[in-house]
Every structure is written in structure tokens, then in C-alpha cells.
């Protein structure tokens, strides 16, 4: 399965991008990619973690998943992400909560 065949949930609604290439080319979508990874486990098997922007977004998603796993799992059902106990940047908390609220409304 190619990443282009996996529909975005958050990025499509927030930025209008439909493919990973579009997301990486769009500054706003690139900043939100970690949230798409966090909330859309259908992306997990098709992500190219050798791409620096994708790898950075994946690691950030893993940190937030590790810190807020129980909260995330009450909102969305997803396969676990890799554990990463590095600290999260709390300046992203509001964006994280808004994305969770969006995801909850979609389920």
C-alpha cells in the first residue's frame, strides 16, 4: 500500500492536502503532520521514516502518544506507536487538544 492510497483525516480538513508529497511541500501541513500520524494509524505501515520531515513528525507523534496514551485511546482507536519518553513541547498542547476534539467529532 502506498501512502497516497491512505486518506488523510486531519490534514485534508485543516489544510486541504491529500498526499504526503503535498503535505511535505506545504509549511502548515508539514507542521501538523505529527498530528495526522498520531491520529491516523493507517499511515504507520506506509510512512518513509528515512525522510527527515517524516521522521521528525513520527518522533514527535511518538512522544505525544507516550505522554497522553490513555487520553488518545479514549478518543481514537489506533495501534500503539513506539515509546518515546522524551519531553513534549507544551506549546503544542492547544493544537493537540483541538486535533483530538476534531478526531472525536469524526468518530
C-alpha atoms as a PDB file:
ATOM      1  CA  UNK A   1       0.000   0.000   0.000  1.00  0.00           C
ATOM      2  CA  UNK A   2       1.345   3.425  -0.896  1.00  0.00           C
ATOM      3  CA  UNK A   3       0.948   6.416   1.369  1.00  0.00           C
ATOM      4  CA  UNK A   4      -1.036   8.197  -1.347  1.00  0.00           C
ATOM      5  CA  UNK A   5      -3.723   5.498  -1.044  1.00  0.00           C
ATOM      6  CA  UNK A   6      -4.249   6.226   2.662  1.00  0.00           C
ATOM      7  CA  UNK A   7      -6.670   9.121   3.133  1.00  0.00           C
ATOM      8  CA  UNK A   8      -5.643  11.861   5.497  1.00  0.00           C
ATOM      9  CA  UNK A   9      -8.127  12.688   8.223  1.00  0.00           C
ATOM     10  CA  UNK A  10      -6.835  15.812   9.883  1.00  0.00           C
ATOM     11  CA  UNK A  11      -4.635  17.278   7.152  1.00  0.00           C
ATOM     12  CA  UNK A  12      -7.334  17.053   4.490  1.00  0.00           C
ATOM     13  CA  UNK A  13      -9.726  19.034   6.691  1.00  0.00           C
ATOM     14  CA  UNK A  14      -7.235  21.546   8.092  1.00  0.00           C
ATOM     15  CA  UNK A  15      -5.052  22.215   5.042  1.00  0.00           C
ATOM     16  CA  UNK A  16      -6.711  20.589   2.033  1.00  0.00           C
ATOM     17  CA  UNK A  17      -3.702  18.410   1.197  1.00  0.00           C
ATOM     18  CA  UNK A  18      -4.415  14.899   0.011  1.00  0.00           C
ATOM     19  CA  UNK A  19      -0.973  13.310  -0.403  1.00  0.00           C
ATOM     20  CA  UNK A  20       2.192  13.104   1.642  1.00  0.00           C
ATOM     21  CA  UNK A  21       4.102  14.945  -1.091  1.00  0.00           C
ATOM     22  CA  UNK A  22       1.593  17.802  -0.878  1.00  0.00           C
ATOM     23  CA  UNK A  23       1.866  17.793   2.917  1.00  0.00           C
ATOM     24  CA  UNK A  24       5.648  17.980   2.828  1.00  0.00           C
ATOM     25  CA  UNK A  25       5.502  20.851   0.337  1.00  0.00           C
ATOM     26  CA  UNK A  26       3.008  22.860   2.410  1.00  0.00           C
ATOM     27  CA  UNK A  27       4.516  24.531   5.513  1.00  0.00           C
ATOM     28  CA  UNK A  28       1.292  24.377   7.552  1.00  0.00           C
ATOM     29  CA  UNK A  29       0.633  20.734   6.657  1.00  0.00           C
ATOM     30  CA  UNK A  30       4.249  19.822   7.427  1.00  0.00           C
ATOM     31  CA  UNK A  31       3.866  21.401  10.903  1.00  0.00           C
ATOM     32  CA  UNK A  32       0.696  19.338  11.511  1.00  0.00           C
ATOM     33  CA  UNK A  33       1.939  16.050  10.062  1.00  0.00           C
ATOM     34  CA  UNK A  34       2.761  14.726  13.533  1.00  0.00           C
ATOM     35  CA  UNK A  35      -0.912  15.033  14.480  1.00  0.00           C
ATOM     36  CA  UNK A  36      -2.008  13.116  11.389  1.00  0.00           C
ATOM     37  CA  UNK A  37       0.442  10.360  12.294  1.00  0.00           C
ATOM     38  CA  UNK A  38      -0.770  10.420  15.899  1.00  0.00           C
ATOM     39  CA  UNK A  39      -4.452  10.101  14.996  1.00  0.00           C
ATOM     40  CA  UNK A  40      -4.332   8.010  11.800  1.00  0.00           C
ATOM     41  CA  UNK A  41      -2.699   4.628  12.322  1.00  0.00           C
ATOM     42  CA  UNK A  42      -3.417   3.634   8.720  1.00  0.00           C
ATOM     43  CA  UNK A  43      -0.342   5.704   7.855  1.00  0.00           C
ATOM     44  CA  UNK A  44       2.005   3.683  10.087  1.00  0.00           C
ATOM     45  CA  UNK A  45       2.932   0.894   7.640  1.00  0.00           C
ATOM     46  CA  UNK A  46       3.473   3.206   4.673  1.00  0.00           C
ATOM     47  CA  UNK A  47       5.475   6.084   6.150  1.00  0.00           C
ATOM     48  CA  UNK A  48       9.014   6.553   4.851  1.00  0.00           C
ATOM     49  CA  UNK A  49      10.868   7.111   8.091  1.00  0.00           C
ATOM     50  CA  UNK A  50      14.078   7.769   6.147  1.00  0.00           C
ATOM     51  CA  UNK A  51      12.650  11.117   5.021  1.00  0.00           C
ATOM     52  CA  UNK A  52      13.802  13.702   7.601  1.00  0.00           C
ATOM     53  CA  UNK A  53      10.497  15.609   7.834  1.00  0.00           C
ATOM     54  CA  UNK A  54       8.516  12.385   8.167  1.00  0.00           C
ATOM     55  CA  UNK A  55      10.938  11.004  10.741  1.00  0.00           C
ATOM     56  CA  UNK A  56      10.730  14.216  12.787  1.00  0.00           C
ATOM     57  CA  UNK A  57       6.909  14.181  12.680  1.00  0.00           C
ATOM     58  CA  UNK A  58       6.837  10.476  13.607  1.00  0.00           C
ATOM     59  CA  UNK A  59       9.112  11.010  16.607  1.00  0.00           C
ATOM     60  CA  UNK A  60       7.002  13.919  17.798  1.00  0.00           C
ATOM     61  CA  UNK A  61       3.854  11.802  17.454  1.00  0.00           C
ATOM     62  CA  UNK A  62       5.535   9.041  19.476  1.00  0.00           C
ATOM     63  CA  UNK A  63       6.420  11.483  22.279  1.00  0.00           C
ATOM     64  CA  UNK A  64       2.853  12.766  22.481  1.00  0.00           C
ATOM     65  CA  UNK A  65       1.442   9.235  22.266  1.00  0.00           C
ATOM     66  CA  UNK A  66       3.681   8.093  25.117  1.00  0.00           C
ATOM     67  CA  UNK A  67       2.711  11.084  27.263  1.00  0.00           C
ATOM     68  CA  UNK A  68      -1.029  11.044  26.532  1.00  0.00           C
ATOM     69  CA  UNK A  69      -1.719   7.441  25.541  1.00  0.00           C
ATOM     70  CA  UNK A  70      -4.772   6.900  27.732  1.00  0.00           C
ATOM     71  CA  UNK A  71      -6.386  10.160  26.601  1.00  0.00           C
ATOM     72  CA  UNK A  72      -5.693   9.441  22.933  1.00  0.00           C
ATOM     73  CA  UNK A  73      -7.048   5.900  23.200  1.00  0.00           C
ATOM     74  CA  UNK A  74     -10.334   7.139  24.664  1.00  0.00           C
ATOM     75  CA  UNK A  75     -10.824   9.299  21.566  1.00  0.00           C
ATOM     76  CA  UNK A  76      -9.401   7.208  18.712  1.00  0.00           C
ATOM     77  CA  UNK A  77      -8.603   3.549  18.349  1.00  0.00           C
ATOM     78  CA  UNK A  78      -5.118   3.150  16.969  1.00  0.00           C
ATOM     79  CA  UNK A  79      -2.236   0.720  17.043  1.00  0.00           C
ATOM     80  CA  UNK A  80       0.403   1.746  19.583  1.00  0.00           C
ATOM     81  CA  UNK A  81       3.234   3.990  18.459  1.00  0.00           C
ATOM     82  CA  UNK A  82       6.817   3.434  19.568  1.00  0.00           C
ATOM     83  CA  UNK A  83       7.506   4.516  23.118  1.00  0.00           C
ATOM     84  CA  UNK A  84       9.449   7.762  23.440  1.00  0.00           C
ATOM     85  CA  UNK A  85       9.635   9.273  26.903  1.00  0.00           C
ATOM     86  CA  UNK A  86      11.365  12.444  25.737  1.00  0.00           C
ATOM     87  CA  UNK A  87       9.519  15.553  26.898  1.00  0.00           C
ATOM     88  CA  UNK A  88       6.777  17.071  24.779  1.00  0.00           C
ATOM     89  CA  UNK A  89       6.708  20.754  23.958  1.00  0.00           C
ATOM     90  CA  UNK A  90       3.709  22.037  25.891  1.00  0.00           C
ATOM     91  CA  UNK A  91       3.350  24.943  23.469  1.00  0.00           C
ATOM     92  CA  UNK A  92       1.732  22.367  21.154  1.00  0.00           C
ATOM     93  CA  UNK A  93      -0.870  21.329  23.740  1.00  0.00           C
ATOM     94  CA  UNK A  94      -3.674  23.516  22.415  1.00  0.00           C
ATOM     95  CA  UNK A  95      -3.161  22.230  18.872  1.00  0.00           C
ATOM     96  CA  UNK A  96      -3.087  18.673  20.214  1.00  0.00           C
ATOM     97  CA  UNK A  97      -6.383  19.155  22.075  1.00  0.00           C
ATOM     98  CA  UNK A  98      -8.033  20.770  19.049  1.00  0.00           C
ATOM     99  CA  UNK A  99      -6.934  17.817  16.889  1.00  0.00           C
ATOM    100  CA  UNK A 100      -8.312  15.360  19.455  1.00  0.00           C
ATOM    101  CA  UNK A 101     -11.607  17.208  19.503  1.00  0.00           C
ATOM    102  CA  UNK A 102     -11.721  17.074  15.694  1.00  0.00           C
ATOM    103  CA  UNK A 103     -10.969  13.339  15.775  1.00  0.00           C
ATOM    104  CA  UNK A 104     -13.670  12.754  18.386  1.00  0.00           C
ATOM    105  CA  UNK A 105     -16.213  14.541  16.206  1.00  0.00           C
ATOM    106  CA  UNK A 106     -15.275  12.289  13.282  1.00  0.00           C
ATOM    107  CA  UNK A 107     -15.934   9.062  15.197  1.00  0.00           C
END
